[in-house]
Amino acid sequence: MPRLATTPSYSLFLRHSALRLQLRKIHARSYNFNSDIFLEDLQNAQFHVMDVFDDVDDKLFAFESLYLDIINDQAPIKKFQARGNQMPLMTEQWRKSIRHRIKLWKKFTHDRTDSNYALYQEQKNKCTSSTRKAIKAYFLHKSETEKPNECWKTYRPILQSKKSRQTNDILLEGRGTYQRQN
């Protein structure tokens, strides 16, 4: 079960599932192409087809169609997925640690050696450590604010759920387990 420690001696069991972040789909053109081939394609394009049309709009449509075909061949549109609103407690160090861990895992899956796995394990431990530090620092900072409603807004999504409750137990380290009264 996930655990949040706001002070060294107390911790709470939290609900299992965090809120899912919406993915944003980003469409971007990849401009990593050979300019010589692009210019050659432009020179070889059949732009004289535009002269067949009398209307300016039809000429523009013909030009755009030809030009976009060349652009799409040389610099295709790529689709990316970006997470919606990042977690406010995610630090840059934590994010970089996760990315590095993923790179090491991919390296291990391609070359399954003990040294690659040891590097992955070490980074996984660092990632876990940075996760705990970031969560602790975020909630400690939020709980020290002057406004109690700001503190409550921070803790409410974690401690309450309109769906089902995962557990009714509250664990106070060193003092035993207590049942939450509904």
C-alpha atoms as a PDB file:
ATOM      1  CA  MET A   1       0.000   0.000   0.000  1.00  0.00           C
ATOM      2  CA  PRO A   2       1.227   3.505  -0.675  1.00  0.00           C
ATOM      3  CA  ARG A   3       2.315   5.435   2.335  1.00  0.00           C
ATOM      4  CA  LEU A   4       2.779   9.118   3.053  1.00  0.00           C
ATOM      5  CA  ALA A   5       5.031  10.250   5.847  1.00  0.00           C
ATOM      6  CA  THR A   6       4.602  13.888   6.788  1.00  0.00           C
ATOM      7  CA  THR A   7       6.717  13.558   9.888  1.00  0.00           C
ATOM      8  CA  PRO A   8       9.285  10.933  10.753  1.00  0.00           C
ATOM      9  CA  SER A   9       7.071   9.251  13.359  1.00  0.00           C
ATOM     10  CA  TYR A  10       3.608   9.274  11.708  1.00  0.00           C
ATOM     11  CA  SER A  11       2.362   7.851   8.439  1.00  0.00           C
ATOM     12  CA  LEU A  12      -0.996   7.233   6.803  1.00  0.00           C
ATOM     13  CA  PHE A  13      -2.194   4.554   4.433  1.00  0.00           C
ATOM     14  CA  LEU A  14      -3.622   6.220   1.373  1.00  0.00           C
ATOM     15  CA  ARG A  15      -5.973   4.986  -1.278  1.00  0.00           C
ATOM     16  CA  HIS A  16      -4.458   2.831  -3.997  1.00  0.00           C
ATOM     17  CA  SER A  17      -5.370   4.707  -7.135  1.00  0.00           C
ATOM     18  CA  ALA A  18      -4.390   8.241  -7.936  1.00  0.00           C
ATOM     19  CA  LEU A  19      -6.397  10.369 -10.298  1.00  0.00           C
ATOM     20  CA  ARG A  20      -5.681   9.547 -13.923  1.00  0.00           C
ATOM     21  CA  LEU A  21      -4.238  12.395 -15.939  1.00  0.00           C
ATOM     22  CA  GLN A  22      -5.732  13.077 -19.347  1.00  0.00           C
ATOM     23  CA  LEU A  23      -3.354  12.607 -22.251  1.00  0.00           C
ATOM     24  CA  ARG A  24      -3.012  15.400 -24.774  1.00  0.00           C
ATOM     25  CA  LYS A  25      -2.277  14.432 -28.351  1.00  0.00           C
ATOM     26  CA  ILE A  26       0.194  16.712 -30.054  1.00  0.00           C
ATOM     27  CA  HIS A  27       0.677  16.728 -33.808  1.00  0.00           C
ATOM     28  CA  ALA A  28       4.019  18.185 -34.897  1.00  0.00           C
ATOM     29  CA  ARG A  29       5.924  18.148 -38.121  1.00  0.00           C
ATOM     30  CA  SER A  30       9.354  16.537 -38.107  1.00  0.00           C
ATOM     31  CA  TYR A  31      11.736  18.864 -39.910  1.00  0.00           C
ATOM     32  CA  ASN A  32      14.707  16.506 -39.887  1.00  0.00           C
ATOM     33  CA  PHE A  33      14.973  16.025 -43.636  1.00  0.00           C
ATOM     34  CA  ASN A  34      17.467  16.385 -46.441  1.00  0.00           C
ATOM     35  CA  SER A  35      17.032  19.825 -48.008  1.00  0.00           C
ATOM     36  CA  ASP A  36      18.619  18.744 -51.308  1.00  0.00           C
ATOM     37  CA  ILE A  37      16.004  16.036 -51.848  1.00  0.00           C
ATOM     38  CA  PHE A  38      13.259  18.471 -50.840  1.00  0.00           C
ATOM     39  CA  LEU A  39      14.427  21.061 -53.404  1.00  0.00           C
ATOM     40  CA  GLU A  40      14.702  18.361 -56.061  1.00  0.00           C
ATOM     41  CA  ASP A  41      11.128  17.244 -55.350  1.00  0.00           C
ATOM     42  CA  LEU A  42       9.949  20.858 -55.626  1.00  0.00           C
ATOM     43  CA  GLN A  43      11.674  21.245 -59.002  1.00  0.00           C
ATOM     44  CA  ASN A  44      10.147  18.001 -60.278  1.00  0.00           C
ATOM     45  CA  ALA A  45       6.622  18.843 -59.079  1.00  0.00           C
ATOM     46  CA  GLN A  46       3.906  19.307 -61.701  1.00  0.00           C
ATOM     47  CA  PHE A  47       3.014  22.904 -60.755  1.00  0.00           C
ATOM     48  CA  HIS A  48       1.985  23.672 -64.369  1.00  0.00           C
ATOM     49  CA  VAL A  49      -1.276  21.834 -63.615  1.00  0.00           C
ATOM     50  CA  MET A  50      -2.450  25.046 -61.921  1.00  0.00           C
ATOM     51  CA  ASP A  51      -2.617  26.800 -65.303  1.00  0.00           C
ATOM     52  CA  VAL A  52      -5.557  24.593 -66.319  1.00  0.00           C
ATOM     53  CA  PHE A  53      -7.825  26.333 -63.791  1.00  0.00           C
ATOM     54  CA  ASP A  54      -9.326  29.781 -64.313  1.00  0.00           C
ATOM     55  CA  ASP A  55     -10.499  30.425 -60.766  1.00  0.00           C
ATOM     56  CA  VAL A  56      -7.907  31.657 -58.245  1.00  0.00           C
ATOM     57  CA  ASP A  57      -9.305  29.417 -55.501  1.00  0.00           C
ATOM     58  CA  ASP A  58      -8.893  26.334 -57.698  1.00  0.00           C
ATOM     59  CA  LYS A  59      -5.308  27.323 -58.498  1.00  0.00           C
ATOM     60  CA  LEU A  60      -4.594  27.783 -54.812  1.00  0.00           C
ATOM     61  CA  PHE A  61      -6.125  24.390 -54.016  1.00  0.00           C
ATOM     62  CA  ALA A  62      -3.979  22.693 -56.686  1.00  0.00           C
ATOM     63  CA  PHE A  63      -0.813  24.407 -55.421  1.00  0.00           C
ATOM     64  CA  GLU A  64      -1.551  23.529 -51.786  1.00  0.00           C
ATOM     65  CA  SER A  65      -2.261  19.909 -52.686  1.00  0.00           C
ATOM     66  CA  LEU A  66       1.009  19.503 -54.587  1.00  0.00           C
ATOM     67  CA  TYR A  67       3.068  21.359 -52.014  1.00  0.00           C
ATOM     68  CA  LEU A  68       1.559  19.522 -49.038  1.00  0.00           C
ATOM     69  CA  ASP A  69       2.184  16.158 -50.730  1.00  0.00           C
ATOM     70  CA  ILE A  70       5.876  17.021 -51.018  1.00  0.00           C
ATOM     71  CA  ILE A  71       6.030  18.382 -47.452  1.00  0.00           C
ATOM     72  CA  ASN A  72       4.268  15.288 -46.053  1.00  0.00           C
ATOM     73  CA  ASP A  73       6.742  13.020 -47.851  1.00  0.00           C
ATOM     74  CA  GLN A  74       9.820  14.885 -46.634  1.00  0.00           C
ATOM     75  CA  ALA A  75       8.641  16.148 -43.212  1.00  0.00           C
ATOM     76  CA  PRO A  76       5.799  13.924 -42.012  1.00  0.00           C
ATOM     77  CA  ILE A  77       3.486  14.892 -39.182  1.00  0.00           C
ATOM     78  CA  LYS A  78       4.281  12.899 -36.069  1.00  0.00           C
ATOM     79  CA  LYS A  79       1.902  12.273 -33.198  1.00  0.00           C
ATOM     80  CA  PHE A  80       3.024  12.598 -29.604  1.00  0.00           C
ATOM     81  CA  GLN A  81       1.175  12.070 -26.374  1.00  0.00           C
ATOM     82  CA  ALA A  82       1.809  14.421 -23.497  1.00  0.00           C
ATOM     83  CA  ARG A  83       0.346  14.018 -20.077  1.00  0.00           C
ATOM     84  CA  GLY A  84      -2.179  16.560 -19.077  1.00  0.00           C
ATOM     85  CA  ASN A  85      -1.577  18.730 -16.027  1.00  0.00           C
ATOM     86  CA  GLN A  86       1.461  17.209 -14.336  1.00  0.00           C
ATOM     87  CA  MET A  87       1.318  16.339 -10.677  1.00  0.00           C
ATOM     88  CA  PRO A  88       2.181  19.432  -8.663  1.00  0.00           C
ATOM     89  CA  LEU A  89       4.575  17.463  -6.507  1.00  0.00           C
ATOM     90  CA  MET A  90       6.645  16.197  -9.466  1.00  0.00           C
ATOM     91  CA  THR A  91      10.089  17.786  -9.347  1.00  0.00           C
ATOM     92  CA  GLU A  92      12.499  18.059 -12.252  1.00  0.00           C
ATOM     93  CA  GLN A  93      15.002  15.813 -10.463  1.00  0.00           C
ATOM     94  CA  TRP A  94      12.321  13.147 -10.024  1.00  0.00           C
ATOM     95  CA  ARG A  95      11.266  13.426 -13.683  1.00  0.00           C
ATOM     96  CA  LYS A  96      14.874  13.100 -14.909  1.00  0.00           C
ATOM     97  CA  SER A  97      15.413  10.157 -12.592  1.00  0.00           C
ATOM     98  CA  ILE A  98      12.395   8.364 -14.056  1.00  0.00           C
ATOM     99  CA  ARG A  99      13.532   9.025 -17.625  1.00  0.00           C
ATOM    100  CA  HIS A 100      17.016   7.718 -16.864  1.00  0.00           C
ATOM    101  CA  ARG A 101      15.542   4.603 -15.208  1.00  0.00           C
ATOM    102  CA  ILE A 102      13.448   3.923 -18.330  1.00  0.00           C
ATOM    103  CA  LYS A 103      16.529   4.297 -20.551  1.00  0.00           C
ATOM    104  CA  LEU A 104      18.459   1.855 -18.394  1.00  0.00           C
ATOM    105  CA  TRP A 105      15.568  -0.630 -18.489  1.00  0.00           C
ATOM    106  CA  LYS A 106      15.480  -0.454 -22.291  1.00  0.00           C
ATOM    107  CA  LYS A 107      19.240  -0.935 -22.375  1.00  0.00           C
ATOM    108  CA  PHE A 108      18.876  -4.001 -20.148  1.00  0.00           C
ATOM    109  CA  THR A 109      16.105  -5.488 -22.295  1.00  0.00           C
ATOM    110  CA  HIS A 110      18.312  -5.199 -25.399  1.00  0.00           C
ATOM    111  CA  ASP A 111      21.482  -6.461 -23.705  1.00  0.00           C
ATOM    112  CA  ARG A 112      20.666  -8.693 -20.736  1.00  0.00           C
ATOM    113  CA  THR A 113      23.849  -8.563 -18.706  1.00  0.00           C
ATOM    114  CA  ASP A 114      24.385  -8.430 -14.966  1.00  0.00           C
ATOM    115  CA  SER A 115      26.081  -5.047 -15.200  1.00  0.00           C
ATOM    116  CA  ASN A 116      23.133  -3.505 -17.081  1.00  0.00           C
ATOM    117  CA  TYR A 117      20.715  -4.921 -14.532  1.00  0.00           C
ATOM    118  CA  ALA A 118      22.842  -3.608 -11.664  1.00  0.00           C
ATOM    119  CA  LEU A 119      22.800  -0.124 -13.224  1.00  0.00           C
ATOM    120  CA  TYR A 120      19.021  -0.348 -13.591  1.00  0.00           C
ATOM    121  CA  GLN A 121      18.565  -1.504  -9.965  1.00  0.00           C
ATOM    122  CA  GLU A 122      20.747   1.343  -8.692  1.00  0.00           C
ATOM    123  CA  GLN A 123      18.767   3.917 -10.690  1.00  0.00           C
ATOM    124  CA  LYS A 124      15.479   2.374  -9.556  1.00  0.00           C
ATOM    125  CA  ASN A 125      16.545   2.840  -5.934  1.00  0.00           C
ATOM    126  CA  LYS A 126      17.550   6.452  -6.624  1.00  0.00           C
ATOM    127  CA  CYS A 127      14.194   7.020  -8.309  1.00  0.00           C
ATOM    128  CA  THR A 128      12.330   5.621  -5.313  1.00  0.00           C
ATOM    129  CA  SER A 129      14.359   7.810  -2.997  1.00  0.00           C
ATOM    130  CA  SER A 130      13.683  10.957  -5.040  1.00  0.00           C
ATOM    131  CA  THR A 131       9.990  10.038  -5.159  1.00  0.00           C
ATOM    132  CA  ARG A 132       9.782   9.803  -1.388  1.00  0.00           C
ATOM    133  CA  LYS A 133      11.722  13.039  -0.919  1.00  0.00           C
ATOM    134  CA  ALA A 134       9.524  14.932  -3.385  1.00  0.00           C
ATOM    135  CA  ILE A 135       6.275  13.698  -1.822  1.00  0.00           C
ATOM    136  CA  LYS A 136       7.490  14.445   1.686  1.00  0.00           C
ATOM    137  CA  ALA A 137       8.716  17.949   0.750  1.00  0.00           C
ATOM    138  CA  TYR A 138       5.509  18.783  -1.132  1.00  0.00           C
ATOM    139  CA  PHE A 139       3.115  17.762   1.643  1.00  0.00           C
ATOM    140  CA  LEU A 140       5.300  19.269   4.336  1.00  0.00           C
ATOM    141  CA  HIS A 141       5.317  22.562   2.438  1.00  0.00           C
ATOM    142  CA  LYS A 142       1.550  22.443   1.914  1.00  0.00           C
ATOM    143  CA  SER A 143       0.835  21.597   5.550  1.00  0.00           C
ATOM    144  CA  GLU A 144       2.922  24.549   6.776  1.00  0.00           C
ATOM    145  CA  THR A 145       0.823  27.139   4.940  1.00  0.00           C
ATOM    146  CA  GLU A 146      -1.070  29.786   6.865  1.00  0.00           C
ATOM    147  CA  LYS A 147      -4.402  28.932   5.218  1.00  0.00           C
ATOM    148  CA  PRO A 148      -5.995  25.690   6.481  1.00  0.00           C
ATOM    149  CA  ASN A 149      -8.268  25.432   3.431  1.00  0.00           C
ATOM    150  CA  GLU A 150      -5.196  25.268   1.135  1.00  0.00           C
ATOM    151  CA  CYS A 151      -3.821  22.440   3.230  1.00  0.00           C
ATOM    152  CA  TRP A 152      -7.176  20.640   3.106  1.00  0.00           C
ATOM    153  CA  LYS A 153      -7.374  21.045  -0.702  1.00  0.00           C
ATOM    154  CA  THR A 154      -4.027  19.292  -0.954  1.00  0.00           C
ATOM    155  CA  TYR A 155      -4.925  16.338   1.262  1.00  0.00           C
ATOM    156  CA  ARG A 156      -8.563  15.848   0.181  1.00  0.00           C
ATOM    157  CA  PRO A 157      -7.934  14.053  -3.151  1.00  0.00           C
ATOM    158  CA  ILE A 158      -5.657  11.563  -1.409  1.00  0.00           C
ATOM    159  CA  LEU A 159      -7.654  10.825   1.696  1.00  0.00           C
ATOM    160  CA  GLN A 160     -11.167  10.842   0.232  1.00  0.00           C
ATOM    161  CA  SER A 161     -12.763   9.252  -2.755  1.00  0.00           C
ATOM    162  CA  LYS A 162     -16.378   9.387  -3.938  1.00  0.00           C
ATOM    163  CA  LYS A 163     -15.961   5.869  -5.284  1.00  0.00           C
ATOM    164  CA  SER A 164     -15.131   3.101  -2.855  1.00  0.00           C
ATOM    165  CA  ARG A 165     -12.784   3.350   0.069  1.00  0.00           C
ATOM    166  CA  GLN A 166      -9.784   1.092  -0.180  1.00  0.00           C
ATOM    167  CA  THR A 167      -9.226   0.770   3.521  1.00  0.00           C
ATOM    168  CA  ASN A 168     -10.644   2.107   6.728  1.00  0.00           C
ATOM    169  CA  ASP A 169      -7.397   1.590   8.603  1.00  0.00           C
ATOM    170  CA  ILE A 170      -5.208   4.451   9.686  1.00  0.00           C
ATOM    171  CA  LEU A 171      -1.765   3.372  10.747  1.00  0.00           C
ATOM    172  CA  LEU A 172       0.117   5.527  13.199  1.00  0.00           C
ATOM    173  CA  GLU A 173       3.662   4.191  13.302  1.00  0.00           C
ATOM    174  CA  GLY A 174       4.647   3.016  16.714  1.00  0.00           C
ATOM    175  CA  ARG A 175       1.095   3.260  18.091  1.00  0.00           C
ATOM    176  CA  GLY A 176      -0.828   0.510  16.298  1.00  0.00           C
ATOM    177  CA  THR A 177      -3.706   0.473  13.839  1.00  0.00           C
ATOM    178  CA  TYR A 178      -6.943   2.362  14.445  1.00  0.00           C
ATOM    179  CA  GLN A 179     -10.270   1.985  12.648  1.00  0.00           C
ATOM    180  CA  ARG A 180     -11.629   5.110  11.042  1.00  0.00           C
ATOM    181  CA  GLN A 181     -15.118   5.996  12.324  1.00  0.00           C
ATOM    182  CA  ASN A 182     -17.626   6.697   9.529  1.00  0.00           C
END
